Amino acid sequence: MPRKDMSQNHLNSDINVTPMADVMLVLLIIFMITTPLLQDSVLVNIPKARNPLETTAKEPFVLSLTRDGRIYLGKMQVNEQEMAQALSERFAVEINKNIFVRADKALSYGNVVHIIDECRRMGVQRVGLITEKEVH
């Protein structure tokens, strides 16, 4: 009686991980592209400085001024009256009365000074200007 070769009926029980690795690499690329976009939702083209100081505040209060004159407190768009109200409420009880301003470099100097003056009027003691490090 002829014997069948056992290698012909042998099932391969190994898991093929190549498709899983492909999917994981695609997900990694998607997350690498989208993560920087989620961090700063307010688009401001800030000026560069040669020696910017690093901020050490835990939760800085950031005021962003866009090219077209819109004002953002954090990621929320506000007008000047809402900004003044939010600043006076926050700094009425807070000891550390610091604010950081991210202003678009195309915005006029007068507009930036006007907003900083409003911040000072609402109790802000120190104003920091956020810049990017200039690459030589």
N, C-alpha and C. Protein backbone atom coordinates (compact mmCIF):
# COMPACT_ATOMS: atom_id res chain seq x y z
N MET A 1 0.84 -1.15 0.00
CA MET A 1 0.00 0.00 0.00
C MET A 1 0.90 1.24 0.00
N PRO A 2 0.67 2.17 -0.94
CA PRO A 2 1.52 3.36 -1.01
C PRO A 2 1.21 4.34 0.13
N ARG A 3 2.26 4.90 0.67
CA ARG A 3 2.10 5.88 1.75
C ARG A 3 2.07 7.29 1.21
N LYS A 4 1.21 8.11 1.80
CA LYS A 4 1.15 9.53 1.41
C LYS A 4 2.25 10.29 2.14
N ASP A 5 2.78 11.23 1.46
CA ASP A 5 3.81 12.07 2.08
C ASP A 5 3.14 13.05 3.04
N MET A 6 3.56 13.08 4.30
CA MET A 6 2.93 13.91 5.33
C MET A 6 3.17 15.40 5.07
N SER A 7 4.21 15.76 4.35
CA SER A 7 4.50 17.18 4.11
C SER A 7 3.47 17.82 3.19
N GLN A 8 2.78 17.04 2.39
CA GLN A 8 1.77 17.60 1.49
C GLN A 8 0.52 18.02 2.24
N ASN A 9 0.15 17.37 3.32
CA ASN A 9 -1.06 17.68 4.07
C ASN A 9 -0.80 18.53 5.30
N HIS A 10 0.40 18.95 5.50
CA HIS A 10 0.74 19.72 6.69
C HIS A 10 0.22 21.15 6.57
N LEU A 11 -0.52 21.60 7.58
CA LEU A 11 -1.05 22.97 7.60
C LEU A 11 -0.04 23.90 8.27
N ASN A 12 0.06 25.09 7.73
CA ASN A 12 0.95 26.09 8.29
C ASN A 12 0.16 26.87 9.34
N SER A 13 0.54 26.78 10.59
CA SER A 13 -0.20 27.45 11.67
C SER A 13 0.47 28.73 12.12
N ASP A 14 1.49 29.20 11.43
CA ASP A 14 2.17 30.44 11.78
C ASP A 14 1.32 31.64 11.37
N ILE A 15 1.35 32.67 12.19
CA ILE A 15 0.60 33.89 11.90
C ILE A 15 1.43 34.77 10.98
N ASN A 16 0.81 35.25 9.94
CA ASN A 16 1.49 36.14 9.00
C ASN A 16 1.33 37.56 9.54
N VAL A 17 2.41 38.17 10.02
CA VAL A 17 2.35 39.48 10.65
C VAL A 17 2.65 40.62 9.68
N THR A 18 2.94 40.32 8.45
CA THR A 18 3.26 41.37 7.48
C THR A 18 2.10 42.34 7.29
N PRO A 19 0.84 41.90 7.10
CA PRO A 19 -0.24 42.88 6.96
C PRO A 19 -0.44 43.72 8.22
N MET A 20 -0.26 43.12 9.39
CA MET A 20 -0.40 43.88 10.63
C MET A 20 0.69 44.95 10.73
N ALA A 21 1.90 44.61 10.36
CA ALA A 21 2.99 45.57 10.39
C ALA A 21 2.74 46.71 9.42
N ASP A 22 2.18 46.42 8.26
CA ASP A 22 1.85 47.47 7.29
C ASP A 22 0.80 48.42 7.85
N VAL A 23 -0.22 47.87 8.47
CA VAL A 23 -1.27 48.70 9.05
C VAL A 23 -0.71 49.56 10.18
N MET A 24 0.15 49.01 11.02
CA MET A 24 0.74 49.77 12.11
C MET A 24 1.63 50.90 11.60
N LEU A 25 2.37 50.66 10.54
CA LEU A 25 3.20 51.72 9.97
C LEU A 25 2.35 52.84 9.38
N VAL A 26 1.26 52.50 8.73
CA VAL A 26 0.36 53.52 8.19
C VAL A 26 -0.25 54.34 9.32
N LEU A 27 -0.68 53.69 10.41
CA LEU A 27 -1.23 54.41 11.55
C LEU A 27 -0.17 55.32 12.18
N LEU A 28 1.05 54.85 12.28
CA LEU A 28 2.13 55.66 12.82
C LEU A 28 2.34 56.92 11.99
N ILE A 29 2.35 56.78 10.69
CA ILE A 29 2.52 57.93 9.80
C ILE A 29 1.37 58.90 9.96
N ILE A 30 0.15 58.41 10.05
CA ILE A 30 -1.03 59.28 10.23
C ILE A 30 -0.91 60.06 11.53
N PHE A 31 -0.53 59.38 12.62
CA PHE A 31 -0.41 60.08 13.90
C PHE A 31 0.74 61.08 13.89
N MET A 32 1.83 60.77 13.20
CA MET A 32 2.95 61.71 13.12
C MET A 32 2.56 62.97 12.37
N ILE A 33 1.68 62.86 11.40
CA ILE A 33 1.27 64.02 10.62
C ILE A 33 0.22 64.84 11.37
N THR A 34 -0.73 64.18 12.02
CA THR A 34 -1.84 64.91 12.64
C THR A 34 -1.53 65.47 14.01
N THR A 35 -0.61 64.90 14.76
CA THR A 35 -0.33 65.38 16.11
C THR A 35 0.14 66.83 16.15
N PRO A 36 1.07 67.29 15.32
CA PRO A 36 1.44 68.71 15.37
C PRO A 36 0.28 69.64 15.01
N LEU A 37 -0.63 69.18 14.19
CA LEU A 37 -1.76 70.02 13.81
C LEU A 37 -2.73 70.19 14.97
N LEU A 38 -2.80 69.25 15.88
CA LEU A 38 -3.72 69.32 17.01
C LEU A 38 -3.20 70.21 18.12
N GLN A 39 -1.90 70.42 18.19
CA GLN A 39 -1.33 71.17 19.29
C GLN A 39 -1.63 72.66 19.20
N ASP A 40 -1.49 73.26 18.07
CA ASP A 40 -1.76 74.69 17.90
C ASP A 40 -2.85 74.85 16.86
N SER A 41 -4.08 75.02 17.34
CA SER A 41 -5.16 75.14 16.38
C SER A 41 -5.31 76.57 15.88
N VAL A 42 -4.69 77.54 16.54
CA VAL A 42 -4.73 78.92 16.11
C VAL A 42 -3.49 79.18 15.27
N LEU A 43 -3.68 79.51 13.99
CA LEU A 43 -2.55 79.70 13.09
C LEU A 43 -2.03 81.12 13.23
N VAL A 44 -0.84 81.23 13.80
CA VAL A 44 -0.18 82.52 13.98
C VAL A 44 1.25 82.35 13.49
N ASN A 45 1.66 83.22 12.58
CA ASN A 45 3.02 83.20 12.06
C ASN A 45 3.85 84.12 12.94
N ILE A 46 4.44 83.57 14.02
CA ILE A 46 5.15 84.41 14.99
C ILE A 46 6.57 84.71 14.52
N PRO A 47 7.11 85.86 14.95
CA PRO A 47 8.47 86.22 14.54
C PRO A 47 9.50 85.33 15.21
N LYS A 48 10.71 85.36 14.69
CA LYS A 48 11.80 84.56 15.21
C LYS A 48 12.75 85.45 16.01
N ALA A 49 13.38 84.85 17.04
CA ALA A 49 14.36 85.56 17.86
C ALA A 49 15.61 84.71 17.97
N ARG A 50 16.76 85.35 18.10
CA ARG A 50 18.01 84.61 18.18
C ARG A 50 18.15 83.86 19.51
N ASN A 51 17.74 84.47 20.62
CA ASN A 51 17.92 83.86 21.94
C ASN A 51 16.61 83.92 22.74
N PRO A 52 15.60 83.17 22.33
CA PRO A 52 14.36 83.21 23.10
C PRO A 52 14.51 82.47 24.42
N LEU A 53 13.82 82.96 25.46
CA LEU A 53 13.81 82.29 26.76
C LEU A 53 12.76 81.20 26.75
N GLU A 54 13.07 80.09 27.37
CA GLU A 54 12.11 79.00 27.48
C GLU A 54 11.15 79.32 28.63
N THR A 55 9.86 79.05 28.42
CA THR A 55 8.88 79.30 29.47
C THR A 55 8.88 78.13 30.44
N THR A 56 8.70 78.45 31.72
CA THR A 56 8.69 77.41 32.75
C THR A 56 7.34 77.32 33.44
N ALA A 57 6.36 78.09 33.03
CA ALA A 57 5.05 78.05 33.66
C ALA A 57 4.37 76.72 33.38
N LYS A 58 3.62 76.22 34.37
CA LYS A 58 2.94 74.93 34.20
C LYS A 58 1.81 75.03 33.20
N GLU A 59 0.93 75.99 33.40
CA GLU A 59 -0.19 76.21 32.49
C GLU A 59 -0.21 77.68 32.10
N PRO A 60 0.55 78.05 31.11
CA PRO A 60 0.61 79.47 30.75
C PRO A 60 -0.71 79.95 30.17
N PHE A 61 -1.03 81.20 30.45
CA PHE A 61 -2.22 81.83 29.91
C PHE A 61 -1.78 82.49 28.61
N VAL A 62 -2.17 81.91 27.47
CA VAL A 62 -1.68 82.36 26.17
C VAL A 62 -2.77 83.13 25.44
N LEU A 63 -2.41 84.32 24.99
CA LEU A 63 -3.28 85.18 24.20
C LEU A 63 -2.70 85.22 22.78
N SER A 64 -3.47 84.79 21.79
CA SER A 64 -2.98 84.76 20.41
C SER A 64 -3.67 85.84 19.59
N LEU A 65 -2.88 86.53 18.77
CA LEU A 65 -3.40 87.57 17.89
C LEU A 65 -3.08 87.16 16.46
N THR A 66 -4.11 86.99 15.64
CA THR A 66 -3.90 86.53 14.27
C THR A 66 -3.65 87.72 13.34
N ARG A 67 -3.26 87.40 12.13
CA ARG A 67 -2.94 88.40 11.11
C ARG A 67 -4.13 89.32 10.83
N ASP A 68 -5.34 88.74 10.85
CA ASP A 68 -6.53 89.54 10.54
C ASP A 68 -7.15 90.18 11.77
N GLY A 69 -6.46 90.17 12.92
CA GLY A 69 -6.91 90.91 14.10
C GLY A 69 -7.79 90.12 15.06
N ARG A 70 -7.97 88.83 14.83
CA ARG A 70 -8.78 88.04 15.76
C ARG A 70 -7.98 87.75 17.03
N ILE A 71 -8.68 87.65 18.16
CA ILE A 71 -8.06 87.43 19.46
C ILE A 71 -8.51 86.07 19.97
N TYR A 72 -7.54 85.28 20.46
CA TYR A 72 -7.84 83.96 21.03
C TYR A 72 -7.26 83.89 22.43
N LEU A 73 -8.07 83.43 23.37
CA LEU A 73 -7.60 83.09 24.71
C LEU A 73 -7.51 81.57 24.73
N GLY A 74 -6.31 81.05 24.72
CA GLY A 74 -6.14 79.61 24.54
C GLY A 74 -6.55 79.27 23.12
N LYS A 75 -7.61 78.47 22.97
CA LYS A 75 -8.10 78.11 21.64
C LYS A 75 -9.47 78.70 21.37
N MET A 76 -9.96 79.55 22.28
CA MET A 76 -11.29 80.13 22.15
C MET A 76 -11.19 81.56 21.61
N GLN A 77 -11.92 81.83 20.52
CA GLN A 77 -11.92 83.16 19.93
C GLN A 77 -12.81 84.08 20.76
N VAL A 78 -12.29 85.27 21.07
CA VAL A 78 -13.02 86.26 21.87
C VAL A 78 -12.87 87.63 21.23
N ASN A 79 -13.75 88.56 21.62
CA ASN A 79 -13.57 89.95 21.23
C ASN A 79 -12.88 90.67 22.39
N GLU A 80 -12.62 91.96 22.25
CA GLU A 80 -11.88 92.69 23.29
C GLU A 80 -12.62 92.73 24.61
N GLN A 81 -13.94 92.89 24.59
CA GLN A 81 -14.71 92.94 25.83
C GLN A 81 -14.67 91.59 26.56
N GLU A 82 -14.82 90.50 25.81
CA GLU A 82 -14.76 89.17 26.42
C GLU A 82 -13.36 88.89 26.95
N MET A 83 -12.34 89.35 26.24
CA MET A 83 -10.96 89.18 26.69
C MET A 83 -10.75 89.92 28.01
N ALA A 84 -11.22 91.17 28.07
CA ALA A 84 -11.06 91.97 29.28
C ALA A 84 -11.78 91.32 30.46
N GLN A 85 -12.97 90.80 30.23
CA GLN A 85 -13.74 90.16 31.29
C GLN A 85 -13.04 88.89 31.78
N ALA A 86 -12.56 88.07 30.85
CA ALA A 86 -11.88 86.83 31.21
C ALA A 86 -10.59 87.11 31.98
N LEU A 87 -9.85 88.13 31.56
CA LEU A 87 -8.60 88.48 32.24
C LEU A 87 -8.86 89.00 33.64
N SER A 88 -9.85 89.89 33.78
CA SER A 88 -10.14 90.45 35.10
C SER A 88 -10.64 89.37 36.06
N GLU A 89 -11.43 88.40 35.56
CA GLU A 89 -11.91 87.30 36.40
C GLU A 89 -10.77 86.39 36.83
N ARG A 90 -9.89 86.06 35.89
CA ARG A 90 -8.79 85.15 36.22
C ARG A 90 -7.78 85.79 37.16
N PHE A 91 -7.41 87.02 36.90
CA PHE A 91 -6.35 87.64 37.68
C PHE A 91 -6.84 88.32 38.94
N ALA A 92 -8.15 88.29 39.21
CA ALA A 92 -8.66 88.81 40.47
C ALA A 92 -8.27 87.90 41.64
N VAL A 93 -8.14 86.60 41.38
CA VAL A 93 -7.83 85.64 42.44
C VAL A 93 -6.46 84.99 42.30
N GLU A 94 -5.80 85.19 41.20
CA GLU A 94 -4.52 84.52 40.96
C GLU A 94 -3.35 85.38 41.42
N ILE A 95 -2.35 84.72 42.00
CA ILE A 95 -1.17 85.43 42.48
C ILE A 95 -0.22 85.71 41.32
N ASN A 96 0.00 84.71 40.47
CA ASN A 96 0.91 84.83 39.34
C ASN A 96 0.17 85.48 38.18
N LYS A 97 0.34 86.76 38.00
CA LYS A 97 -0.42 87.52 37.00
C LYS A 97 0.40 87.73 35.74
N ASN A 98 0.75 86.60 35.11
CA ASN A 98 1.56 86.62 33.89
C ASN A 98 0.71 86.15 32.72
N ILE A 99 1.00 86.69 31.55
CA ILE A 99 0.32 86.27 30.33
C ILE A 99 1.37 86.21 29.22
N PHE A 100 1.16 85.30 28.28
CA PHE A 100 2.04 85.18 27.12
C PHE A 100 1.27 85.55 25.88
N VAL A 101 1.87 86.36 25.02
CA VAL A 101 1.22 86.85 23.81
C VAL A 101 1.92 86.25 22.60
N ARG A 102 1.11 85.61 21.74
CA ARG A 102 1.59 85.10 20.44
C ARG A 102 0.95 85.99 19.39
N ALA A 103 1.71 86.89 18.82
CA ALA A 103 1.18 87.81 17.81
C ALA A 103 1.80 87.51 16.46
N ASP A 104 0.97 87.50 15.43
CA ASP A 104 1.46 87.28 14.07
C ASP A 104 2.40 88.42 13.70
N LYS A 105 3.49 88.10 13.03
CA LYS A 105 4.48 89.14 12.70
C LYS A 105 3.94 90.14 11.69
N ALA A 106 2.88 89.81 10.96
CA ALA A 106 2.30 90.75 10.01
C ALA A 106 1.34 91.73 10.68
N LEU A 107 0.99 91.49 11.94
CA LEU A 107 0.09 92.38 12.67
C LEU A 107 0.83 93.66 13.02
N SER A 108 0.14 94.78 12.94
CA SER A 108 0.81 96.06 13.21
C SER A 108 1.22 96.17 14.67
N TYR A 109 2.31 96.85 14.90
CA TYR A 109 2.85 97.04 16.24
C TYR A 109 1.83 97.74 17.14
N GLY A 110 1.10 98.69 16.58
CA GLY A 110 0.09 99.42 17.34
C GLY A 110 -1.01 98.52 17.87
N ASN A 111 -1.44 97.54 17.08
CA ASN A 111 -2.48 96.61 17.53
C ASN A 111 -1.97 95.75 18.69
N VAL A 112 -0.74 95.29 18.60
CA VAL A 112 -0.16 94.46 19.67
C VAL A 112 -0.05 95.28 20.96
N VAL A 113 0.42 96.52 20.85
CA VAL A 113 0.57 97.38 22.01
C VAL A 113 -0.80 97.66 22.64
N HIS A 114 -1.82 97.87 21.80
CA HIS A 114 -3.17 98.13 22.31
C HIS A 114 -3.68 96.94 23.13
N ILE A 115 -3.48 95.73 22.64
CA ILE A 115 -3.93 94.53 23.36
C ILE A 115 -3.13 94.36 24.65
N ILE A 116 -1.83 94.59 24.61
CA ILE A 116 -1.02 94.48 25.82
C ILE A 116 -1.46 95.53 26.85
N ASP A 117 -1.77 96.73 26.39
CA ASP A 117 -2.26 97.78 27.27
C ASP A 117 -3.57 97.37 27.94
N GLU A 118 -4.47 96.73 27.19
CA GLU A 118 -5.73 96.22 27.75
C GLU A 118 -5.45 95.16 28.81
N CYS A 119 -4.48 94.30 28.54
CA CYS A 119 -4.12 93.26 29.51
C CYS A 119 -3.62 93.89 30.80
N ARG A 120 -2.78 94.90 30.68
CA ARG A 120 -2.25 95.60 31.86
C ARG A 120 -3.38 96.27 32.64
N ARG A 121 -4.34 96.83 31.93
CA ARG A 121 -5.47 97.49 32.58
C ARG A 121 -6.32 96.49 33.37
N MET A 122 -6.33 95.23 32.94
CA MET A 122 -7.12 94.19 33.61
C MET A 122 -6.35 93.47 34.72
N GLY A 123 -5.15 93.94 35.04
CA GLY A 123 -4.43 93.39 36.19
C GLY A 123 -3.23 92.54 35.86
N VAL A 124 -2.89 92.38 34.60
CA VAL A 124 -1.71 91.59 34.23
C VAL A 124 -0.47 92.37 34.63
N GLN A 125 0.45 91.70 35.33
CA GLN A 125 1.66 92.38 35.77
C GLN A 125 2.82 92.17 34.81
N ARG A 126 2.91 90.98 34.23
CA ARG A 126 4.02 90.68 33.32
C ARG A 126 3.48 90.09 32.03
N VAL A 127 4.01 90.58 30.91
CA VAL A 127 3.61 90.11 29.59
C VAL A 127 4.84 89.53 28.91
N GLY A 128 4.72 88.29 28.45
CA GLY A 128 5.80 87.65 27.71
C GLY A 128 5.40 87.51 26.25
N LEU A 129 6.32 87.78 25.36
CA LEU A 129 6.07 87.64 23.93
C LEU A 129 6.67 86.32 23.45
N ILE A 130 5.86 85.49 22.83
CA ILE A 130 6.31 84.18 22.36
C ILE A 130 6.90 84.33 20.97
N THR A 131 8.09 83.78 20.80
CA THR A 131 8.76 83.79 19.49
C THR A 131 9.25 82.38 19.19
N GLU A 132 9.71 82.19 17.98
CA GLU A 132 10.36 80.93 17.59
C GLU A 132 11.85 81.20 17.50
N LYS A 133 12.63 80.17 17.74
CA LYS A 133 14.09 80.31 17.66
C LYS A 133 14.50 80.45 16.20
N GLU A 134 15.29 81.47 15.92
CA GLU A 134 15.76 81.72 14.56
C GLU A 134 16.88 80.76 14.22
N VAL A 135 16.77 80.14 13.07
CA VAL A 135 17.79 79.21 12.62
C VAL A 135 18.75 79.98 11.72
N HIS A 136 20.02 79.87 11.98
CA HIS A 136 21.02 80.63 11.22
C HIS A 136 21.23 80.03 9.89
